[in-house]
Amino acid sequence: MKLYSIAQLEAPAHKRNRAREWFMKGCRYDRLDPYSDQAVDAYRKSIQIDGTFTDAYMHLGFIYLNRERYDDALKYFEQVVELDPNNPETYNNLGYVYEKMKRIGSAKQMYHHALGIDPGSTEAMLNIARILELEGNYHGAMQQYRQTIGKAPRATVPRFRLAVLYDRHDMFDEAIQEYLNVLAVDPEHRKALLNLGNLYVQLGDDAKAVIAFERVLQLEPDNAEVWNDLGSLYEEAKLYEKAAAAFEQSISLDPLHEEAHFNLARL
């Protein structure tokens, strides 16, 4: 029988612990200075000690993705897939790198692979819908968003993206309904409120636009653009004092807002 020393038996665990120490050091660098060279060095040290430490590879992939060094990001995410081939998140990450590299076919393949591993992955479904949009397959994208909503009816992201898609293609009634569906789930969804307000302006329904913009400003009172837009709506309604106050608020938040200056001077 072959005998092993205590040092030999403890070596794998000790190596793993040292790799984790360097990984945690990288995380601390990341928190202090996101995507820094110190973090890169620490994560690299981690995988030098333990070449199976998937979290370190993943963090390196995200750093290079943020730096737009896509070839390097691809290398690290491919290593994650090799080490953890049954995790749908790894394929979603790899697909996103391909997408940034304009390799749309490869990205789509990775997203479908992720969905094959986890048919309930709303992230993969949303990624596929985005690819369909990039391919110009808007009907396919709409169908994909609807399927995602069916899987996750309380999720706001697929509903919002579907509303935006409707909006872009002048399907105004459908867009309004989907924005309202988003707000039914999350009444404080600012982008849905803002887009809804802009859509009401486009359709000439100023009263509903005012309600939407006033709600945006309750949530985001320092939005100079919305104050200016709201001032214009007040002016249309002949509420001149409220219009002037809105334009002044816009200017106080953004002294260089030319349109607000012009609107106030004209008023």
Protein backbone atom coordinates (compact mmCIF):
# COMPACT_ATOMS: atom_id res chain seq x y z
CA MET A 1 0.00 0.00 0.00
CA LYS A 2 1.36 3.41 -0.97
CA LEU A 3 1.85 5.77 1.98
CA TYR A 4 1.23 9.53 1.72
CA SER A 5 2.71 12.16 3.98
CA ILE A 6 0.45 14.60 5.83
CA ALA A 7 1.87 17.39 3.65
CA GLN A 8 0.85 15.51 0.50
CA LEU A 9 -2.66 14.90 1.83
CA GLU A 10 -3.11 18.54 2.81
CA ALA A 11 -1.58 19.97 -0.37
CA PRO A 12 -4.79 20.22 -2.50
CA ALA A 13 -6.77 21.91 0.29
CA HIS A 14 -3.87 24.20 1.12
CA LYS A 15 -3.46 25.12 -2.54
CA ARG A 16 -7.19 25.86 -2.79
CA ASN A 17 -7.06 28.04 0.30
CA ARG A 18 -4.10 30.03 -1.00
CA ALA A 19 -5.86 30.50 -4.34
CA ARG A 20 -8.95 31.74 -2.49
CA GLU A 21 -6.85 34.18 -0.47
CA TRP A 22 -5.51 35.74 -3.68
CA PHE A 23 -9.00 35.75 -5.17
CA MET A 24 -10.40 37.59 -2.14
CA LYS A 25 -7.51 40.04 -2.38
CA GLY A 26 -8.49 40.65 -6.00
CA CYS A 27 -12.10 41.27 -4.92
CA ARG A 28 -10.90 43.85 -2.39
CA TYR A 29 -8.87 45.63 -5.08
CA ASP A 30 -11.95 45.50 -7.33
CA ARG A 31 -14.09 47.19 -4.69
CA LEU A 32 -11.54 49.95 -4.10
CA ASP A 33 -10.65 50.50 -7.76
CA PRO A 34 -12.90 48.55 -10.15
CA TYR A 35 -11.12 46.63 -12.92
CA SER A 36 -7.68 47.71 -11.67
CA ASP A 37 -4.36 46.14 -12.60
CA GLN A 38 -3.92 45.11 -8.94
CA ALA A 39 -7.13 43.10 -9.18
CA VAL A 40 -5.93 41.50 -12.42
CA ASP A 41 -2.62 40.51 -10.84
CA ALA A 42 -4.36 39.00 -7.81
CA TYR A 43 -6.83 36.98 -9.90
CA ARG A 44 -3.98 35.75 -12.11
CA LYS A 45 -2.04 34.70 -9.02
CA SER A 46 -5.10 32.79 -7.88
CA ILE A 47 -5.31 30.73 -11.07
CA GLN A 48 -1.54 30.23 -11.13
CA ILE A 49 -1.91 28.50 -7.76
CA ASP A 50 -5.08 26.63 -8.67
CA GLY A 51 -5.89 26.38 -12.38
CA THR A 52 -9.45 25.19 -11.63
CA PHE A 53 -10.54 28.32 -9.73
CA THR A 54 -13.45 29.29 -11.97
CA ASP A 55 -14.42 32.49 -10.11
CA ALA A 56 -11.02 34.03 -10.79
CA TYR A 57 -11.29 33.25 -14.51
CA MET A 58 -14.78 34.77 -14.56
CA HIS A 59 -13.68 37.98 -12.83
CA LEU A 60 -10.78 38.33 -15.25
CA GLY A 61 -13.20 37.87 -18.12
CA PHE A 62 -15.41 40.68 -16.86
CA ILE A 63 -12.42 42.99 -16.35
CA TYR A 64 -11.26 42.51 -19.95
CA LEU A 65 -14.84 42.81 -21.17
CA ASN A 66 -15.06 46.17 -19.42
CA ARG A 67 -11.76 47.19 -21.00
CA GLU A 68 -13.12 46.16 -24.42
CA ARG A 69 -10.29 43.66 -24.82
CA TYR A 70 -12.66 41.05 -26.14
CA ASP A 71 -10.09 38.47 -27.23
CA ASP A 72 -8.75 38.32 -23.68
CA ALA A 73 -12.25 38.23 -22.23
CA LEU A 74 -13.13 35.39 -24.59
CA LYS A 75 -10.08 33.40 -23.49
CA TYR A 76 -11.05 33.55 -19.82
CA PHE A 77 -14.75 32.87 -20.34
CA GLU A 78 -13.91 29.89 -22.55
CA GLN A 79 -11.85 28.54 -19.68
CA VAL A 80 -14.85 28.92 -17.36
CA VAL A 81 -17.01 26.96 -19.80
CA GLU A 82 -14.39 24.21 -19.94
CA LEU A 83 -14.28 23.97 -16.14
CA ASP A 84 -18.03 24.36 -15.56
CA PRO A 85 -19.79 23.11 -18.71
CA ASN A 86 -23.21 22.62 -17.10
CA ASN A 87 -23.68 26.18 -15.85
CA PRO A 88 -25.95 28.23 -18.14
CA GLU A 89 -24.49 31.49 -16.82
CA THR A 90 -21.09 30.64 -18.31
CA TYR A 91 -22.62 30.31 -21.79
CA ASN A 92 -24.56 33.55 -21.37
CA ASN A 93 -21.31 35.34 -20.51
CA LEU A 94 -19.49 33.77 -23.43
CA GLY A 95 -22.34 34.67 -25.76
CA TYR A 96 -22.21 38.28 -24.64
CA VAL A 97 -18.50 38.48 -25.51
CA TYR A 98 -19.23 37.06 -28.97
CA GLU A 99 -21.99 39.65 -29.30
CA LYS A 100 -19.58 42.48 -28.51
CA MET A 101 -17.20 41.03 -31.10
CA LYS A 102 -20.03 41.19 -33.69
CA ARG A 103 -19.98 37.39 -33.94
CA ILE A 104 -23.76 37.22 -33.77
CA GLY A 105 -24.10 33.62 -34.92
CA SER A 106 -21.71 32.38 -32.23
CA ALA A 107 -23.48 34.49 -29.60
CA LYS A 108 -26.85 33.05 -30.57
CA GLN A 109 -25.44 29.52 -30.38
CA MET A 110 -24.16 30.13 -26.84
CA TYR A 111 -27.48 31.57 -25.67
CA HIS A 112 -29.35 28.58 -27.08
CA HIS A 113 -26.86 26.30 -25.34
CA ALA A 114 -27.59 28.09 -22.05
CA LEU A 115 -31.32 27.66 -22.66
CA GLY A 116 -30.78 23.99 -23.42
CA ILE A 117 -29.18 23.52 -20.01
CA ASP A 118 -31.85 25.57 -18.22
CA PRO A 119 -35.09 25.95 -20.22
CA GLY A 120 -36.32 28.38 -17.58
CA SER A 121 -33.39 30.79 -17.93
CA THR A 122 -35.03 34.16 -18.56
CA GLU A 123 -31.56 35.67 -19.10
CA ALA A 124 -30.91 33.32 -22.01
CA MET A 125 -34.38 33.97 -23.43
CA LEU A 126 -33.84 37.73 -23.25
CA ASN A 127 -30.43 37.38 -24.87
CA ILE A 128 -31.93 35.40 -27.74
CA ALA A 129 -34.64 38.06 -28.18
CA ARG A 130 -31.96 40.75 -28.39
CA ILE A 131 -30.11 38.74 -31.04
CA LEU A 132 -33.32 38.40 -33.04
CA GLU A 133 -33.69 42.18 -32.91
CA LEU A 134 -30.11 42.62 -34.13
CA GLU A 135 -30.88 40.25 -37.00
CA GLY A 136 -33.91 42.36 -37.92
CA ASN A 137 -36.32 39.57 -37.00
CA TYR A 138 -38.70 41.80 -35.07
CA HIS A 139 -41.64 39.41 -35.13
CA GLY A 140 -39.40 36.67 -33.78
CA ALA A 141 -38.13 39.01 -31.08
CA MET A 142 -41.68 39.94 -30.06
CA GLN A 143 -42.62 36.28 -29.83
CA GLN A 144 -39.50 35.56 -27.78
CA TYR A 145 -40.29 38.39 -25.35
CA ARG A 146 -43.85 37.11 -24.97
CA GLN A 147 -42.52 33.62 -24.22
CA THR A 148 -40.18 35.09 -21.61
CA ILE A 149 -43.07 36.96 -20.00
CA GLY A 150 -44.98 33.69 -19.89
CA LYS A 151 -42.07 32.13 -17.99
CA ALA A 152 -41.63 35.11 -15.65
CA PRO A 153 -44.86 37.14 -15.54
CA ARG A 154 -43.64 39.32 -12.64
CA ALA A 155 -40.35 40.26 -14.33
CA THR A 156 -40.23 43.83 -15.63
CA VAL A 157 -37.29 43.52 -18.04
CA PRO A 158 -39.01 41.43 -20.76
CA ARG A 159 -42.16 43.57 -20.54
CA PHE A 160 -40.17 46.80 -20.80
CA ARG A 161 -38.12 45.56 -23.75
CA LEU A 162 -41.26 44.38 -25.51
CA ALA A 163 -42.86 47.80 -24.92
CA VAL A 164 -39.81 49.54 -26.38
CA LEU A 165 -39.92 47.24 -29.40
CA TYR A 166 -43.59 48.04 -29.94
CA ASP A 167 -42.80 51.74 -29.48
CA ARG A 168 -40.05 51.71 -32.10
CA HIS A 169 -42.35 50.09 -34.63
CA ASP A 170 -45.22 52.54 -34.02
CA MET A 171 -47.43 49.93 -32.38
CA PHE A 172 -48.57 52.59 -29.96
CA ASP A 173 -51.55 50.87 -28.33
CA GLU A 174 -49.49 47.76 -27.63
CA ALA A 175 -46.57 49.86 -26.34
CA ILE A 176 -48.80 51.82 -23.96
CA GLN A 177 -50.37 48.65 -22.61
CA GLU A 178 -46.99 47.01 -22.05
CA TYR A 179 -45.57 50.10 -20.30
CA LEU A 180 -48.66 50.03 -18.07
CA ASN A 181 -48.02 46.33 -17.41
CA VAL A 182 -44.48 47.19 -16.33
CA LEU A 183 -45.81 49.86 -13.97
CA ALA A 184 -48.38 47.43 -12.56
CA VAL A 185 -45.46 45.29 -11.42
CA ASP A 186 -43.13 48.18 -10.51
CA PRO A 187 -44.91 51.55 -10.07
CA GLU A 188 -41.52 53.26 -9.72
CA HIS A 189 -40.03 52.07 -13.01
CA ARG A 190 -38.64 55.42 -14.18
CA LYS A 191 -37.82 54.48 -17.75
CA ALA A 192 -41.31 53.07 -18.29
CA LEU A 193 -42.86 56.26 -16.89
CA LEU A 194 -40.61 58.46 -19.01
CA ASN A 195 -41.22 56.51 -22.21
CA LEU A 196 -44.94 56.44 -21.49
CA GLY A 197 -44.95 60.21 -21.01
CA ASN A 198 -43.06 60.77 -24.27
CA LEU A 199 -45.46 58.46 -26.08
CA TYR A 200 -48.48 60.37 -24.74
CA VAL A 201 -46.87 63.62 -25.94
CA GLN A 202 -46.36 62.07 -29.37
CA LEU A 203 -50.04 61.04 -29.45
CA GLY A 204 -51.22 64.46 -28.25
CA ASP A 205 -52.56 63.24 -24.90
CA ASP A 206 -50.97 66.02 -22.83
CA ALA A 207 -53.01 65.36 -19.68
CA LYS A 208 -51.70 61.79 -19.37
CA ALA A 209 -48.20 62.95 -20.29
CA VAL A 210 -48.28 65.46 -17.42
CA ILE A 211 -49.26 62.69 -14.98
CA ALA A 212 -46.39 60.49 -16.19
CA PHE A 213 -43.77 63.27 -16.07
CA GLU A 214 -44.90 64.49 -12.64
CA ARG A 215 -44.49 60.94 -11.39
CA VAL A 216 -41.00 60.76 -12.90
CA LEU A 217 -40.04 63.94 -11.07
CA GLN A 218 -41.35 62.59 -7.78
CA LEU A 219 -38.83 59.79 -8.21
CA GLU A 220 -36.10 61.81 -9.93
CA PRO A 221 -36.48 65.49 -8.93
CA ASP A 222 -33.12 66.53 -10.40
CA ASN A 223 -33.99 65.61 -14.00
CA ALA A 224 -33.63 68.93 -15.84
CA GLU A 225 -34.87 67.52 -19.14
CA VAL A 226 -38.16 66.32 -17.69
CA TRP A 227 -38.72 69.65 -15.90
CA ASN A 228 -38.35 71.38 -19.27
CA ASP A 229 -40.73 68.95 -20.97
CA LEU A 230 -43.24 69.36 -18.17
CA GLY A 231 -42.97 73.14 -18.47
CA SER A 232 -43.87 72.90 -22.16
CA LEU A 233 -46.95 70.83 -21.29
CA TYR A 234 -48.01 73.32 -18.64
CA GLU A 235 -47.59 76.09 -21.21
CA GLU A 236 -49.79 74.21 -23.68
CA ALA A 237 -52.43 73.98 -20.97
CA LYS A 238 -52.08 77.76 -20.35
CA LEU A 239 -50.80 77.13 -16.83
CA TYR A 240 -48.20 79.84 -17.26
CA GLU A 241 -47.04 80.20 -13.65
CA LYS A 242 -46.47 76.47 -13.35
CA ALA A 243 -44.73 76.48 -16.74
CA ALA A 244 -42.37 79.29 -15.68
CA ALA A 245 -41.59 77.51 -12.41
CA ALA A 246 -40.81 74.29 -14.27
CA PHE A 247 -38.50 76.05 -16.75
CA GLU A 248 -36.74 77.83 -13.86
CA GLN A 249 -36.28 74.52 -12.06
CA SER A 250 -34.81 73.00 -15.21
CA ILE A 251 -32.34 75.90 -15.51
CA SER A 252 -31.39 75.71 -11.83
CA LEU A 253 -30.48 72.06 -12.32
CA ASP A 254 -28.75 72.63 -15.67
CA PRO A 255 -27.72 76.27 -16.21
CA LEU A 256 -26.61 75.41 -19.76
CA HIS A 257 -29.97 73.99 -20.83
CA GLU A 258 -30.55 76.18 -23.88
CA GLU A 259 -34.09 75.05 -24.63
CA ALA A 260 -35.26 75.80 -21.09
CA HIS A 261 -33.69 79.28 -21.28
CA PHE A 262 -35.42 79.90 -24.59
CA ASN A 263 -38.77 78.61 -23.32
CA LEU A 264 -38.62 80.78 -20.20
CA ALA A 265 -37.63 83.88 -22.15
CA ARG A 266 -40.44 83.30 -24.64
CA LEU A 267 -42.98 82.70 -21.89
